[in-house]
Amino acid sequence: MTELRTFIAGLPKVELHVHHVGSASPRIVAELAARHEGNTPVPADPQLLADYFVFRDFAHFVELYLSVVDLIRDPEDVWILTHEVARELARQQVRYAELTVTPYSHVKRGIPAPAFCEAIEDARRRAAADFGIELRWCFDIPGEAGLSAAEETLRICLDERPDGLISFGLGGPEIGVPRPQFKPYFDRARAVGLHSVPHAGETTGPETIWDALRELGAERIGHGISAVEDPQLLAHLAERQIPLEVCPTSNVRTRAVARIEEHPLPRLIDAGVLVTINSDDPPMFGTTLNDEYAIAANLLNANPAQLAALARNAVTASFLDEAAKRRITAEIDAHLATHR
């Protein structure tokens, strides 16, 4: 496994399912908690954060996630967070990442939408210069906040339209948050050229994935692991090569999957589904994208060629232009050639 870990560490990658605030490192979270000490339940000691981020279930995870969101209180916080996320991704040889950003959560806490977008855009440009990584944004609706959050998220997309914005998403709890109610907002977002990438089928069954496809025009599915319960859906995903953004550790930590050994990743791949490997909220889940590739290697008994194929899947599933896809794919192939 040591040799495989070395291969993974150097493998050029694309990350498609990683949350902006959920990527805050323990150091950054602790620094922000210290700034707001006395006015937050988040511990200011990085060593205590591991215990803080032990989730009873998905609802508890959302509760703790929002407590970290509440630490981001001004545009400088936004900039620091964004730049640090890029730094950590670049350390793992990530060449390109589509970060899921929830502007509604910050705007309702008092950061004006123009200032928020200016901060992430400036950090995106700086990260490209500092670390050689390209970032793009998926602005997502926090589903638990309802249709008013959908309306505001869409308004921010349409009014601000930052250069890095490429897609429109839907996150938060799936249980009790039906996907079809968000159809008008996805229709309007798609009409102005934004891609549709909702979460579906992590803590709910295949019907949620069907709803995302039929009602929201999903081009990729966040998670989507319950597709294994529906042979017709599996065949549909495979035939149309609709990508799934699979996040193994996240699924276990949020109790969507009981044990990592039971993760449906192998069954999804065996069915011919276009699967990508992602980290979701890595520090909160005690993981990294490199760790997720190592977990995938264990689940699949994969060799370097198979891991390189997973990396290529992410390139294929991304919203990069064709020239950039060819460039990163060539880097993956060159890396594999040195490990044959």
Protein backbone atom coordinates (compact mmCIF):
# COMPACT_ATOMS: atom_id res chain seq x y z
CA MET A 1 0.00 0.00 0.00
CA THR A 2 2.96 2.34 0.55
CA GLU A 3 3.78 2.36 -3.15
CA LEU A 4 0.14 2.96 -4.02
CA ARG A 5 -0.01 5.83 -1.53
CA THR A 6 3.04 7.36 -3.22
CA PHE A 7 1.34 7.01 -6.59
CA ILE A 8 -1.83 8.66 -5.27
CA ALA A 9 0.12 11.52 -3.69
CA GLY A 10 1.62 12.44 -7.05
CA LEU A 11 -1.45 11.75 -9.18
CA PRO A 12 -2.83 14.91 -10.85
CA LYS A 13 -6.45 15.26 -9.81
CA VAL A 14 -9.72 17.09 -10.29
CA GLU A 15 -12.07 17.55 -7.30
CA LEU A 16 -15.77 17.96 -8.10
CA HIS A 17 -17.55 17.60 -4.77
CA VAL A 18 -15.95 19.63 -2.03
CA HIS A 19 -17.66 22.25 0.11
CA HIS A 20 -16.18 25.69 0.67
CA VAL A 21 -16.73 26.03 4.42
CA GLY A 22 -16.52 22.26 4.89
CA SER A 23 -12.92 22.42 3.67
CA ALA A 24 -11.77 24.77 6.42
CA SER A 25 -8.71 23.23 8.05
CA PRO A 26 -8.62 22.72 11.84
CA ARG A 27 -6.04 25.50 12.05
CA ILE A 28 -8.30 28.00 10.26
CA VAL A 29 -11.41 26.90 12.16
CA ALA A 30 -9.56 27.25 15.46
CA GLU A 31 -8.26 30.70 14.51
CA LEU A 32 -11.75 31.87 13.58
CA ALA A 33 -13.20 30.32 16.75
CA ALA A 34 -10.59 32.16 18.82
CA ARG A 35 -11.56 35.45 17.15
CA HIS A 36 -15.18 34.85 18.16
CA GLU A 37 -14.53 33.10 21.48
CA GLY A 38 -17.46 33.39 23.85
CA ASN A 39 -19.84 33.73 20.95
CA THR A 40 -19.52 30.29 19.35
CA PRO A 41 -19.72 26.66 20.46
CA VAL A 42 -16.80 25.75 18.17
CA PRO A 43 -13.64 24.99 20.19
CA ALA A 44 -10.62 27.19 19.58
CA ASP A 45 -8.23 24.29 20.19
CA PRO A 46 -7.45 22.34 16.99
CA GLN A 47 -6.96 19.19 19.07
CA LEU A 48 -10.56 19.40 20.33
CA LEU A 49 -12.08 19.79 16.88
CA ALA A 50 -11.82 16.07 16.08
CA ASP A 51 -14.14 15.32 18.99
CA TYR A 52 -16.42 18.23 18.08
CA PHE A 53 -16.84 16.83 14.57
CA VAL A 54 -18.28 13.47 15.66
CA PHE A 55 -21.74 13.32 14.15
CA ARG A 56 -24.70 11.34 15.49
CA ASP A 57 -26.47 11.54 12.14
CA PHE A 58 -26.83 13.79 9.11
CA ALA A 59 -29.02 16.32 10.95
CA HIS A 60 -26.35 16.66 13.64
CA PHE A 61 -23.72 17.11 10.94
CA VAL A 62 -25.73 19.99 9.43
CA GLU A 63 -26.02 21.58 12.88
CA LEU A 64 -22.25 21.48 13.45
CA TYR A 65 -21.53 22.54 9.87
CA LEU A 66 -23.65 25.66 10.35
CA SER A 67 -21.76 26.48 13.55
CA VAL A 68 -18.61 26.70 11.42
CA VAL A 69 -20.43 28.73 8.77
CA ASP A 70 -21.22 31.19 11.56
CA LEU A 71 -17.48 31.79 12.07
CA ILE A 72 -17.22 33.37 8.60
CA ARG A 73 -18.33 36.90 9.46
CA ASP A 74 -16.64 39.31 7.07
CA PRO A 75 -15.09 39.37 3.58
CA GLU A 76 -11.59 38.90 4.98
CA ASP A 77 -12.68 35.63 6.60
CA VAL A 78 -14.11 34.55 3.23
CA TRP A 79 -10.87 35.38 1.43
CA ILE A 80 -8.65 33.58 3.95
CA LEU A 81 -10.86 30.49 3.91
CA THR A 82 -10.92 30.33 0.10
CA HIS A 83 -7.18 30.82 -0.30
CA GLU A 84 -6.43 28.18 2.36
CA VAL A 85 -8.76 25.65 0.76
CA ALA A 86 -6.92 26.16 -2.54
CA ARG A 87 -3.57 25.73 -0.81
CA GLU A 88 -4.59 22.37 0.69
CA LEU A 89 -6.03 21.09 -2.58
CA ALA A 90 -2.93 22.09 -4.50
CA ARG A 91 -0.75 20.18 -2.00
CA GLN A 92 -2.61 17.07 -3.13
CA GLN A 93 -1.88 17.72 -6.80
CA VAL A 94 -5.39 18.96 -7.51
CA ARG A 95 -5.20 20.94 -10.73
CA TYR A 96 -8.83 22.03 -10.85
CA ALA A 97 -11.69 22.06 -8.34
CA GLU A 98 -15.35 22.96 -8.47
CA LEU A 99 -16.12 24.19 -4.96
CA THR A 100 -19.67 24.08 -3.66
CA VAL A 101 -20.33 27.50 -2.17
CA THR A 102 -23.45 28.51 -0.24
CA PRO A 103 -23.64 32.31 -0.50
CA TYR A 104 -27.06 32.44 1.17
CA SER A 105 -25.57 31.27 4.48
CA HIS A 106 -23.09 34.15 4.50
CA VAL A 107 -25.36 36.86 3.12
CA LYS A 108 -28.02 36.17 5.76
CA ARG A 109 -25.28 36.54 8.39
CA GLY A 110 -24.51 40.04 7.18
CA ILE A 111 -21.89 39.81 4.43
CA PRO A 112 -23.25 41.68 1.39
CA ALA A 113 -23.46 39.50 -1.71
CA PRO A 114 -21.18 41.76 -3.82
CA ALA A 115 -18.50 41.73 -1.10
CA PHE A 116 -18.77 37.96 -0.71
CA CYS A 117 -18.39 37.36 -4.43
CA GLU A 118 -15.53 39.84 -4.69
CA ALA A 119 -13.70 38.01 -1.87
CA ILE A 120 -13.98 34.54 -3.40
CA GLU A 121 -13.08 35.84 -6.85
CA ASP A 122 -9.99 37.68 -5.61
CA ALA A 123 -8.92 34.57 -3.66
CA ARG A 124 -9.53 32.41 -6.75
CA ARG A 125 -7.26 34.58 -8.89
CA ARG A 126 -4.62 34.71 -6.18
CA ALA A 127 -4.72 30.93 -5.73
CA ALA A 128 -4.13 30.40 -9.44
CA ALA A 129 -1.03 32.59 -9.23
CA ASP A 130 0.22 31.21 -5.89
CA PHE A 131 -0.55 27.51 -6.25
CA GLY A 132 -1.26 26.80 -9.91
CA ILE A 133 -4.79 25.58 -9.18
CA GLU A 134 -7.96 26.68 -10.97
CA LEU A 135 -11.12 27.06 -8.89
CA ARG A 136 -14.70 27.34 -10.09
CA TRP A 137 -17.92 27.77 -8.12
CA CYS A 138 -21.15 25.85 -7.73
CA PHE A 139 -23.55 28.16 -5.87
CA ASP A 140 -25.90 25.85 -4.01
CA ILE A 141 -29.21 26.16 -2.23
CA PRO A 142 -29.17 25.05 1.43
CA GLY A 143 -32.23 22.84 1.16
CA GLU A 144 -33.10 23.03 4.85
CA ALA A 145 -33.66 26.81 4.47
CA GLY A 146 -36.48 26.35 1.96
CA LEU A 147 -37.68 28.22 -1.09
CA SER A 148 -36.69 31.66 0.20
CA ALA A 149 -33.08 30.45 0.22
CA ALA A 150 -33.53 29.13 -3.32
CA GLU A 151 -34.84 32.51 -4.45
CA GLU A 152 -31.97 34.38 -2.80
CA THR A 153 -29.33 31.98 -4.12
CA LEU A 154 -30.67 32.40 -7.64
CA ARG A 155 -30.79 36.19 -7.22
CA ILE A 156 -27.14 36.25 -6.19
CA CYS A 157 -26.24 34.09 -9.19
CA LEU A 158 -28.09 36.36 -11.61
CA ASP A 159 -27.14 39.71 -10.09
CA GLU A 160 -23.49 39.04 -9.22
CA ARG A 161 -22.53 36.32 -11.74
CA PRO A 162 -18.86 36.07 -10.64
CA ASP A 163 -16.47 34.92 -13.36
CA GLY A 164 -15.83 31.60 -11.61
CA LEU A 165 -19.50 30.62 -11.32
CA ILE A 166 -20.33 27.65 -13.53
CA SER A 167 -23.07 25.63 -11.82
CA PHE A 168 -26.13 25.64 -9.59
CA GLY A 169 -26.62 23.07 -6.83
CA LEU A 170 -28.77 21.89 -3.95
CA GLY A 171 -27.28 20.65 -0.69
CA GLY A 172 -28.27 20.09 2.91
CA PRO A 173 -30.62 17.37 4.16
CA GLU A 174 -32.43 15.22 1.62
CA ILE A 175 -35.02 13.78 4.03
CA GLY A 176 -38.02 16.11 4.15
CA VAL A 177 -36.66 18.31 1.34
CA PRO A 178 -38.31 17.14 -1.91
CA ARG A 179 -36.31 17.96 -5.02
CA PRO A 180 -39.21 18.87 -7.37
CA GLN A 181 -40.07 22.04 -5.42
CA PHE A 182 -36.79 23.57 -6.63
CA LYS A 183 -37.50 23.01 -10.32
CA PRO A 184 -38.38 26.68 -11.15
CA TYR A 185 -35.06 27.86 -9.72
CA PHE A 186 -33.03 25.27 -11.59
CA ASP A 187 -34.92 26.06 -14.78
CA ARG A 188 -33.97 29.74 -14.49
CA ALA A 189 -30.35 28.95 -13.59
CA ARG A 190 -30.01 26.57 -16.54
CA ALA A 191 -31.58 29.18 -18.84
CA VAL A 192 -28.61 31.49 -18.20
CA GLY A 193 -26.09 28.73 -18.84
CA LEU A 194 -25.39 27.35 -15.37
CA HIS A 195 -24.94 23.60 -15.07
CA SER A 196 -27.22 21.58 -12.76
CA VAL A 197 -25.44 19.59 -10.03
CA PRO A 198 -27.80 18.81 -7.11
CA HIS A 199 -27.11 16.42 -4.26
CA ALA A 200 -29.40 13.38 -4.32
CA GLY A 201 -29.52 9.77 -3.19
CA GLU A 202 -27.16 9.89 -0.23
CA THR A 203 -29.56 9.57 2.71
CA THR A 204 -32.67 8.95 0.59
CA GLY A 205 -33.51 6.32 -2.01
CA PRO A 206 -33.26 6.21 -5.80
CA GLU A 207 -36.46 8.24 -6.26
CA THR A 208 -34.57 11.35 -5.15
CA ILE A 209 -32.03 10.77 -7.92
CA TRP A 210 -34.83 10.32 -10.47
CA ASP A 211 -36.33 13.61 -9.25
CA ALA A 212 -32.97 15.35 -9.64
CA LEU A 213 -32.65 14.06 -13.18
CA ARG A 214 -36.23 14.62 -14.33
CA GLU A 215 -37.17 17.77 -12.44
CA LEU A 216 -33.87 19.58 -11.97
CA GLY A 217 -32.11 18.55 -15.19
CA ALA A 218 -29.13 17.21 -13.24
CA GLU A 219 -25.98 16.79 -15.33
CA ARG A 220 -24.09 15.26 -12.40
CA ILE A 221 -25.36 13.87 -9.13
CA GLY A 222 -23.82 14.73 -5.78
CA HIS A 223 -23.38 11.38 -3.99
CA GLY A 224 -26.05 9.26 -5.72
CA ILE A 225 -25.03 6.08 -3.93
CA SER A 226 -28.59 4.79 -3.46
CA ALA A 227 -28.71 4.24 -7.23
CA VAL A 228 -27.49 0.70 -6.49
CA GLU A 229 -30.99 -0.06 -5.18
CA ASP A 230 -32.58 0.50 -8.61
CA PRO A 231 -31.30 -1.54 -11.59
CA GLN A 232 -33.22 0.66 -14.03
CA LEU A 233 -31.59 3.78 -12.62
CA LEU A 234 -28.15 2.17 -12.72
CA ALA A 235 -28.68 1.28 -16.37
CA HIS A 236 -29.87 4.83 -17.12
CA LEU A 237 -26.83 6.42 -15.43
CA ALA A 238 -24.46 4.04 -17.20
CA GLU A 239 -26.02 4.40 -20.63
CA ARG A 240 -26.04 8.21 -20.49
CA GLN A 241 -22.76 8.41 -18.57
CA ILE A 242 -24.25 10.75 -15.99
CA PRO A 243 -21.48 11.13 -13.42
CA LEU A 244 -21.79 10.48 -9.71
CA GLU A 245 -19.70 12.46 -7.22
CA VAL A 246 -18.91 9.74 -4.69
CA CYS A 247 -17.47 10.62 -1.27
CA PRO A 248 -16.83 7.36 0.66
CA THR A 249 -15.71 8.66 4.06
CA SER A 250 -18.45 11.28 4.11
CA ASN A 251 -21.10 8.60 3.56
CA VAL A 252 -19.84 6.67 6.59
CA ARG A 253 -19.39 9.70 8.84
CA THR A 254 -22.93 10.93 8.16
CA ARG A 255 -24.27 7.39 8.73
CA ALA A 256 -25.53 7.06 5.14
CA VAL A 257 -23.40 3.89 4.97
CA ALA A 258 -22.91 1.76 8.10
CA ARG A 259 -19.28 0.72 7.46
CA ILE A 260 -16.75 1.56 4.78
CA GLU A 261 -16.58 -2.12 3.86
CA GLU A 262 -20.26 -1.89 2.86
CA HIS A 263 -19.81 1.11 0.58
CA PRO A 264 -21.50 0.59 -2.82
CA LEU A 265 -18.61 2.05 -4.84
CA PRO A 266 -17.62 -1.34 -6.35
CA ARG A 267 -21.19 -2.07 -7.40
CA LEU A 268 -21.55 1.32 -9.05
CA ILE A 269 -18.38 0.81 -11.05
CA ASP A 270 -19.31 -2.76 -11.96
CA ALA A 271 -22.59 -1.40 -13.35
CA GLY A 272 -20.66 0.88 -15.72
CA VAL A 273 -21.55 4.15 -13.96
CA LEU A 274 -19.15 7.08 -14.45
CA VAL A 275 -17.89 7.47 -10.88
CA THR A 276 -15.65 10.23 -9.55
CA ILE A 277 -13.87 10.24 -6.17
CA ASN A 278 -14.27 13.27 -3.92
CA SER A 279 -13.75 14.44 -0.35
CA ASP A 280 -16.92 16.49 0.46
CA ASP A 281 -15.99 18.19 3.79
CA PRO A 282 -12.51 16.77 4.31
CA PRO A 283 -11.27 18.24 7.63
CA MET A 284 -14.68 17.76 9.24
CA PHE A 285 -14.58 14.10 8.22
CA GLY A 286 -10.91 13.60 9.07
CA THR A 287 -9.96 12.86 5.47
CA THR A 288 -8.31 14.26 2.34
CA LEU A 289 -8.82 13.64 -1.35
CA ASN A 290 -5.67 11.49 -1.29
CA ASP A 291 -7.21 9.45 1.53
CA GLU A 292 -10.38 8.97 -0.50
CA TYR A 293 -8.38 7.58 -3.42
CA ALA A 294 -6.65 5.20 -1.01
CA ILE A 295 -10.01 4.07 0.35
CA ALA A 296 -11.25 3.55 -3.21
CA ALA A 297 -8.13 1.51 -3.92
CA ASN A 298 -8.93 -0.76 -0.97
CA LEU A 299 -12.61 -1.14 -1.87
CA LEU A 300 -11.77 -1.93 -5.50
CA ASN A 301 -8.47 -3.73 -4.96
CA ALA A 302 -7.26 -1.23 -7.53
CA ASN A 303 -3.87 -0.85 -9.17
CA PRO A 304 -2.33 2.44 -10.39
CA ALA A 305 -3.95 2.12 -13.83
CA GLN A 306 -7.40 1.81 -12.26
CA LEU A 307 -6.80 4.80 -9.98
CA ALA A 308 -5.62 6.82 -12.97
CA ALA A 309 -8.88 5.84 -14.69
CA LEU A 310 -10.83 7.26 -11.73
CA ALA A 311 -8.82 10.48 -11.99
CA ARG A 312 -9.65 10.66 -15.70
CA ASN A 313 -13.33 10.18 -14.86
CA ALA A 314 -13.24 13.38 -12.81
CA VAL A 315 -11.69 15.25 -15.72
CA THR A 316 -14.37 13.91 -18.05
CA ALA A 317 -17.15 14.81 -15.62
CA SER A 318 -15.84 18.33 -14.99
CA PHE A 319 -17.05 21.48 -16.74
CA LEU A 320 -13.58 22.30 -17.99
CA ASP A 321 -13.13 23.20 -21.64
CA GLU A 322 -11.76 20.49 -23.91
CA ALA A 323 -8.25 21.94 -24.10
CA ALA A 324 -7.91 21.96 -20.32
CA LYS A 325 -9.32 18.42 -20.12
CA ARG A 326 -6.70 17.21 -22.60
CA ARG A 327 -3.93 18.93 -20.65
CA ILE A 328 -4.83 17.39 -17.28
CA THR A 329 -5.49 13.98 -18.83
CA ALA A 330 -2.02 14.11 -20.38
CA GLU A 331 -0.56 14.84 -16.93
CA ILE A 332 -2.40 11.83 -15.48
CA ASP A 333 -1.14 9.60 -18.27
CA ALA A 334 2.43 10.85 -17.82
CA HIS A 335 2.27 10.16 -14.09
CA LEU A 336 0.97 6.65 -14.72
CA ALA A 337 3.75 5.99 -17.25
CA THR A 338 6.35 6.58 -14.56
CA HIS A 339 4.76 3.89 -12.32
CA ARG A 340 4.37 1.00 -14.75
